[in-house]
Amino acid sequence: MPYVFVSTQIRLESGPTNVGDEYSDPGLMIYLGARKTTMLGNNLTKHSSSEYHVDEPPRLVLDKLEKIGFRVLTMTGVGQTLVWCLHKETE
């Protein structure tokens, strides 16, 4: 998948960092060392959803993603959340 969202809470800039959801590339999640958690009530169609998190701060996650070809497209703050959108060119 060529797009990835990375996010963290402003007060938690040192981690944990959200790096994916239930549709994320499993190989990429392994590369990042992410752990999958399931939360009840976040997905209206399934009554639960999964998210992938790492304990590292966003800067280290972004560095890892850059090493394998991802580039930041945009970054924003939404309420108390920081969100980065990254893209990797397909071959």
Protein backbone atom coordinates (compact mmCIF):
# COMPACT_ATOMS: atom_id res chain seq x y z
CA MET A 1 0.00 0.00 0.00
CA PRO A 2 1.52 3.30 -1.01
CA TYR A 3 -0.05 5.54 1.72
CA VAL A 4 0.54 5.50 5.47
CA PHE A 5 -0.84 7.68 8.26
CA VAL A 6 1.25 8.19 11.38
CA SER A 7 -0.23 9.96 14.40
CA THR A 8 0.36 10.75 18.05
CA GLN A 9 -1.19 12.83 20.79
CA ILE A 10 0.53 16.20 21.30
CA ARG A 11 1.15 15.45 24.97
CA LEU A 12 2.71 12.09 23.99
CA GLU A 13 5.29 13.29 21.46
CA SER A 14 7.75 10.72 22.85
CA GLY A 15 5.36 7.85 22.05
CA PRO A 16 3.38 5.75 21.64
CA THR A 17 2.81 6.37 17.94
CA ASN A 18 -0.14 5.07 15.92
CA VAL A 19 1.15 3.58 12.64
CA GLY A 20 -1.76 1.67 11.11
CA ASP A 21 -5.22 0.14 11.19
CA GLU A 22 -6.75 -3.23 10.37
CA TYR A 23 -6.14 -2.64 6.64
CA SER A 24 -2.41 -1.89 6.97
CA ASP A 25 0.29 -3.92 5.24
CA PRO A 26 1.28 -6.67 7.73
CA GLY A 27 4.88 -6.71 6.43
CA LEU A 28 5.22 -2.98 7.03
CA MET A 29 3.82 -3.34 10.54
CA ILE A 30 6.41 -6.06 11.26
CA TYR A 31 9.19 -3.81 9.90
CA LEU A 32 8.06 -1.00 12.23
CA GLY A 33 7.81 -3.39 15.19
CA ALA A 34 4.16 -2.46 15.70
CA ARG A 35 1.78 -4.28 18.00
CA LYS A 36 -1.87 -4.71 17.10
CA THR A 37 -4.56 -3.67 19.56
CA THR A 38 -8.32 -4.01 19.21
CA MET A 39 -10.62 -1.36 20.60
CA LEU A 40 -14.34 -1.79 21.02
CA GLY A 41 -16.69 0.71 19.46
CA ASN A 42 -14.35 2.50 17.04
CA ASN A 43 -15.73 0.91 13.87
CA LEU A 44 -19.50 1.23 13.41
CA THR A 45 -19.72 -1.68 10.96
CA LYS A 46 -17.79 -4.25 13.01
CA HIS A 47 -18.29 -2.96 16.57
CA SER A 48 -14.51 -2.96 17.02
CA SER A 49 -11.42 -1.96 15.10
CA SER A 50 -7.72 -2.68 15.21
CA GLU A 51 -4.85 -0.25 15.39
CA TYR A 52 -1.10 -0.73 15.25
CA HIS A 53 1.13 1.14 17.70
CA VAL A 54 4.84 1.42 18.43
CA ASP A 55 6.41 2.77 21.62
CA GLU A 56 8.83 4.96 19.65
CA PRO A 57 8.28 8.68 19.06
CA PRO A 58 7.00 9.78 15.65
CA ARG A 59 10.42 11.09 14.56
CA LEU A 60 11.94 7.61 14.76
CA VAL A 61 8.97 6.08 12.91
CA LEU A 62 9.27 8.70 10.15
CA ASP A 63 13.01 7.97 9.88
CA LYS A 64 12.31 4.23 9.47
CA LEU A 65 9.69 4.89 6.80
CA GLU A 66 12.02 7.21 4.89
CA LYS A 67 14.66 4.46 4.77
CA ILE A 68 12.28 2.26 2.78
CA GLY A 69 11.11 4.95 0.37
CA PHE A 70 8.19 6.72 2.06
CA ARG A 71 8.02 10.53 1.86
CA VAL A 72 5.91 12.91 3.95
CA LEU A 73 3.16 14.47 1.84
CA THR A 74 1.58 16.57 4.56
CA MET A 75 1.35 17.03 8.30
CA THR A 76 -1.35 18.65 10.40
CA GLY A 77 -2.65 19.03 13.91
CA VAL A 78 -6.22 17.95 14.58
CA GLY A 79 -7.30 18.92 18.08
CA GLN A 80 -4.67 17.32 20.32
CA THR A 81 -3.48 14.90 17.60
CA LEU A 82 -0.55 15.27 15.20
CA VAL A 83 -1.00 13.43 11.87
CA TRP A 84 1.49 12.78 9.06
CA CYS A 85 0.49 11.37 5.66
CA LEU A 86 3.26 9.55 3.82
CA HIS A 87 3.43 8.09 0.32
CA LYS A 88 5.72 5.60 -1.40
CA GLU A 89 6.02 5.50 -5.17
CA THR A 90 5.00 2.15 -6.63
CA GLU A 91 7.44 0.39 -8.90
